[in-house]
């Protein structure tokens, strides 16, 4: 199992938060998906924001979060806004 920090965009702080919501490896994050992972984070850490969701998706896609397509960014924003 690969460490979460082996993924792009996942630093020690985000890794700590993901582990707190029982996401312990890169494979688990990929299987769960960015939206479900973000939802879990939002329940425990209400201050997580759209940038966290984008970072999760970009980590799964193995790209920098600034390189997500506009379509993906819109989809993630709509999802994040729906949780407010």
N, C-alpha and C. Protein backbone atom coordinates (compact mmCIF):
# COMPACT_ATOMS: atom_id res chain seq x y z
N UNK A 1 0.85 -1.19 0.00
CA UNK A 1 0.00 0.00 0.00
C UNK A 1 0.89 1.25 0.00
N UNK A 2 0.59 2.14 -0.90
CA UNK A 2 1.38 3.37 -1.02
C UNK A 2 0.93 4.40 0.01
N UNK A 3 1.89 5.12 0.51
CA UNK A 3 1.60 6.20 1.46
C UNK A 3 0.79 7.29 0.76
N UNK A 4 -0.07 7.94 1.51
CA UNK A 4 -0.83 9.06 0.96
C UNK A 4 0.09 10.16 0.45
N UNK A 5 1.18 10.40 1.19
CA UNK A 5 2.09 11.48 0.81
C UNK A 5 2.89 11.15 -0.44
N UNK A 6 2.77 9.92 -0.95
CA UNK A 6 3.42 9.60 -2.23
C UNK A 6 2.64 10.18 -3.40
N UNK A 7 1.43 10.64 -3.12
CA UNK A 7 0.58 11.22 -4.17
C UNK A 7 0.85 12.71 -4.29
N UNK A 8 0.74 13.22 -5.51
CA UNK A 8 0.84 14.66 -5.70
C UNK A 8 -0.23 15.37 -4.88
N UNK A 9 0.09 16.53 -4.36
CA UNK A 9 -0.85 17.40 -3.64
C UNK A 9 -1.20 16.96 -2.23
N UNK A 10 -0.69 15.81 -1.78
CA UNK A 10 -1.01 15.33 -0.44
C UNK A 10 0.21 15.52 0.45
N UNK A 11 0.12 16.51 1.33
CA UNK A 11 1.20 16.76 2.28
C UNK A 11 0.89 16.11 3.62
N UNK A 12 1.75 16.35 4.57
CA UNK A 12 1.60 15.74 5.90
C UNK A 12 0.28 16.13 6.57
N UNK A 13 -0.11 17.40 6.45
CA UNK A 13 -1.34 17.85 7.13
C UNK A 13 -2.59 17.20 6.53
N UNK A 14 -2.66 17.16 5.21
CA UNK A 14 -3.82 16.52 4.58
C UNK A 14 -3.80 15.01 4.84
N UNK A 15 -2.61 14.42 4.84
CA UNK A 15 -2.50 13.00 5.18
C UNK A 15 -3.05 12.74 6.58
N UNK A 16 -2.69 13.57 7.52
CA UNK A 16 -3.16 13.42 8.90
C UNK A 16 -4.69 13.48 8.97
N UNK A 17 -5.27 14.42 8.23
CA UNK A 17 -6.73 14.55 8.23
C UNK A 17 -7.38 13.34 7.56
N UNK A 18 -6.81 12.88 6.47
CA UNK A 18 -7.38 11.72 5.80
C UNK A 18 -7.32 10.48 6.69
N UNK A 19 -6.21 10.30 7.37
CA UNK A 19 -6.10 9.15 8.28
C UNK A 19 -7.11 9.25 9.42
N UNK A 20 -7.41 10.47 9.85
CA UNK A 20 -8.39 10.67 10.92
C UNK A 20 -9.80 10.24 10.50
N UNK A 21 -10.05 10.24 9.18
CA UNK A 21 -11.35 9.80 8.67
C UNK A 21 -11.25 8.41 8.02
N UNK A 22 -10.21 7.67 8.43
CA UNK A 22 -10.04 6.26 8.05
C UNK A 22 -9.73 6.06 6.57
N UNK A 23 -8.96 6.97 6.00
CA UNK A 23 -8.41 6.80 4.65
C UNK A 23 -6.91 6.76 4.85
N UNK A 24 -6.32 5.57 4.73
CA UNK A 24 -4.96 5.35 5.18
C UNK A 24 -3.92 5.11 4.09
N UNK A 25 -4.36 5.02 2.85
CA UNK A 25 -3.39 4.75 1.78
C UNK A 25 -3.85 5.41 0.48
N UNK A 26 -2.92 5.49 -0.45
CA UNK A 26 -3.23 6.04 -1.78
C UNK A 26 -4.30 5.20 -2.46
N UNK A 27 -4.21 3.90 -2.30
CA UNK A 27 -5.19 3.00 -2.91
C UNK A 27 -6.60 3.23 -2.33
N UNK A 28 -6.68 3.42 -1.02
CA UNK A 28 -7.98 3.68 -0.40
C UNK A 28 -8.57 4.99 -0.91
N UNK A 29 -7.75 6.03 -1.02
CA UNK A 29 -8.24 7.31 -1.51
C UNK A 29 -8.74 7.16 -2.95
N UNK A 30 -8.00 6.46 -3.76
CA UNK A 30 -8.40 6.26 -5.15
C UNK A 30 -9.71 5.48 -5.24
N UNK A 31 -9.83 4.46 -4.41
CA UNK A 31 -11.06 3.64 -4.41
C UNK A 31 -12.26 4.44 -3.91
N UNK A 32 -12.07 5.21 -2.87
CA UNK A 32 -13.17 5.99 -2.27
C UNK A 32 -13.58 7.13 -3.18
N UNK A 33 -12.60 7.78 -3.79
CA UNK A 33 -12.88 8.92 -4.67
C UNK A 33 -12.80 10.24 -3.92
N UNK A 34 -12.59 11.28 -4.67
CA UNK A 34 -12.37 12.60 -4.06
C UNK A 34 -13.62 13.12 -3.35
N UNK A 35 -14.77 12.92 -3.93
CA UNK A 35 -15.99 13.49 -3.33
C UNK A 35 -16.34 12.82 -2.01
N UNK A 36 -16.30 11.50 -1.97
CA UNK A 36 -16.60 10.82 -0.71
C UNK A 36 -15.54 11.12 0.35
N UNK A 37 -14.29 11.19 -0.07
CA UNK A 37 -13.23 11.53 0.88
C UNK A 37 -13.44 12.94 1.41
N UNK A 38 -13.79 13.87 0.53
CA UNK A 38 -14.03 15.25 0.95
C UNK A 38 -15.22 15.33 1.89
N UNK A 39 -16.26 14.58 1.60
CA UNK A 39 -17.43 14.56 2.48
C UNK A 39 -17.05 14.10 3.88
N UNK A 40 -16.26 13.05 3.96
CA UNK A 40 -15.79 12.58 5.27
C UNK A 40 -14.98 13.67 5.98
N UNK A 41 -14.09 14.31 5.23
CA UNK A 41 -13.28 15.39 5.82
C UNK A 41 -14.17 16.52 6.32
N UNK A 42 -15.15 16.89 5.52
CA UNK A 42 -16.03 18.01 5.86
C UNK A 42 -16.78 17.75 7.17
N UNK A 43 -17.15 16.49 7.41
CA UNK A 43 -17.86 16.15 8.65
C UNK A 43 -16.97 16.37 9.87
N UNK A 44 -15.69 16.07 9.75
CA UNK A 44 -14.76 16.18 10.87
C UNK A 44 -14.02 17.51 10.93
N UNK A 45 -13.83 18.11 9.77
CA UNK A 45 -13.10 19.38 9.65
C UNK A 45 -13.93 20.35 8.82
N UNK A 46 -14.88 21.03 9.45
CA UNK A 46 -15.79 21.90 8.68
C UNK A 46 -15.10 23.00 7.87
N UNK A 47 -13.87 23.30 8.21
CA UNK A 47 -13.17 24.37 7.50
C UNK A 47 -12.47 23.92 6.22
N UNK A 48 -12.50 22.63 5.88
CA UNK A 48 -11.91 22.22 4.61
C UNK A 48 -12.70 22.89 3.49
N UNK A 49 -12.01 23.21 2.41
CA UNK A 49 -12.65 23.99 1.35
C UNK A 49 -12.43 23.36 -0.01
N UNK A 50 -12.90 24.06 -1.02
CA UNK A 50 -12.83 23.59 -2.39
C UNK A 50 -11.41 23.21 -2.80
N UNK A 51 -10.42 23.94 -2.33
CA UNK A 51 -9.03 23.63 -2.69
C UNK A 51 -8.65 22.24 -2.20
N UNK A 52 -9.15 21.83 -1.05
CA UNK A 52 -8.88 20.48 -0.55
C UNK A 52 -9.50 19.43 -1.50
N UNK A 53 -10.71 19.69 -1.92
CA UNK A 53 -11.39 18.77 -2.83
C UNK A 53 -10.63 18.68 -4.16
N UNK A 54 -10.19 19.81 -4.66
CA UNK A 54 -9.42 19.82 -5.90
C UNK A 54 -8.10 19.08 -5.72
N UNK A 55 -7.47 19.26 -4.59
CA UNK A 55 -6.21 18.56 -4.32
C UNK A 55 -6.42 17.05 -4.29
N UNK A 56 -7.52 16.62 -3.69
CA UNK A 56 -7.82 15.19 -3.64
C UNK A 56 -8.04 14.62 -5.04
N UNK A 57 -8.84 15.33 -5.84
CA UNK A 57 -9.10 14.85 -7.19
C UNK A 57 -7.81 14.82 -8.02
N UNK A 58 -7.02 15.87 -7.91
CA UNK A 58 -5.77 15.92 -8.66
C UNK A 58 -4.80 14.83 -8.21
N UNK A 59 -4.80 14.51 -6.92
CA UNK A 59 -3.96 13.42 -6.42
C UNK A 59 -4.37 12.10 -7.06
N UNK A 60 -5.65 11.87 -7.14
CA UNK A 60 -6.16 10.65 -7.77
C UNK A 60 -5.80 10.63 -9.26
N UNK A 61 -5.87 11.80 -9.89
CA UNK A 61 -5.56 11.91 -11.32
C UNK A 61 -4.06 12.02 -11.59
N UNK A 62 -3.26 12.06 -10.53
CA UNK A 62 -1.81 12.18 -10.64
C UNK A 62 -1.38 13.42 -11.42
N UNK A 63 -1.96 14.55 -11.04
CA UNK A 63 -1.63 15.83 -11.66
C UNK A 63 -1.65 16.92 -10.60
N UNK A 64 -1.07 18.05 -10.91
CA UNK A 64 -1.13 19.20 -10.01
C UNK A 64 -2.55 19.73 -9.99
N UNK A 65 -3.02 20.17 -8.83
CA UNK A 65 -4.41 20.61 -8.74
C UNK A 65 -4.70 21.82 -9.63
N UNK A 66 -3.69 22.59 -9.97
CA UNK A 66 -3.91 23.74 -10.85
C UNK A 66 -4.13 23.31 -12.31
N UNK A 67 -3.89 22.04 -12.61
CA UNK A 67 -4.03 21.54 -13.97
C UNK A 67 -5.36 20.83 -14.23
N UNK A 68 -6.26 20.83 -13.27
CA UNK A 68 -7.57 20.22 -13.48
C UNK A 68 -8.32 20.99 -14.57
N UNK A 69 -9.08 20.28 -15.36
CA UNK A 69 -9.84 20.95 -16.43
C UNK A 69 -10.93 21.83 -15.83
N UNK A 70 -11.37 22.80 -16.61
CA UNK A 70 -12.45 23.68 -16.15
C UNK A 70 -13.72 22.89 -15.85
N UNK A 71 -13.97 21.87 -16.63
CA UNK A 71 -15.16 21.05 -16.42
C UNK A 71 -15.09 20.33 -15.08
N UNK A 72 -13.93 19.76 -14.76
CA UNK A 72 -13.75 19.07 -13.48
C UNK A 72 -13.85 20.08 -12.34
N UNK A 73 -13.25 21.23 -12.49
CA UNK A 73 -13.31 22.27 -11.46
C UNK A 73 -14.75 22.69 -11.19
N UNK A 74 -15.55 22.86 -12.25
CA UNK A 74 -16.96 23.23 -12.09
C UNK A 74 -17.72 22.14 -11.34
N UNK A 75 -17.48 20.89 -11.73
CA UNK A 75 -18.15 19.76 -11.08
C UNK A 75 -17.80 19.72 -9.59
N UNK A 76 -16.53 19.88 -9.27
CA UNK A 76 -16.12 19.84 -7.88
C UNK A 76 -16.69 21.02 -7.10
N UNK A 77 -16.73 22.18 -7.72
CA UNK A 77 -17.30 23.36 -7.05
C UNK A 77 -18.78 23.15 -6.76
N UNK A 78 -19.51 22.62 -7.73
CA UNK A 78 -20.93 22.34 -7.52
C UNK A 78 -21.12 21.36 -6.37
N UNK A 79 -20.29 20.33 -6.32
CA UNK A 79 -20.38 19.36 -5.23
C UNK A 79 -20.09 20.03 -3.90
N UNK A 80 -19.02 20.80 -3.84
CA UNK A 80 -18.63 21.48 -2.59
C UNK A 80 -19.72 22.46 -2.15
N UNK A 81 -20.25 23.22 -3.09
CA UNK A 81 -21.32 24.18 -2.76
C UNK A 81 -22.56 23.47 -2.23
N UNK A 82 -22.81 22.28 -2.74
CA UNK A 82 -23.98 21.51 -2.30
C UNK A 82 -23.89 21.01 -0.87
N UNK A 83 -22.68 21.02 -0.31
CA UNK A 83 -22.51 20.58 1.07
C UNK A 83 -22.69 21.71 2.09
N UNK A 84 -22.83 22.92 1.61
CA UNK A 84 -22.93 24.07 2.53
C UNK A 84 -24.30 24.20 3.12
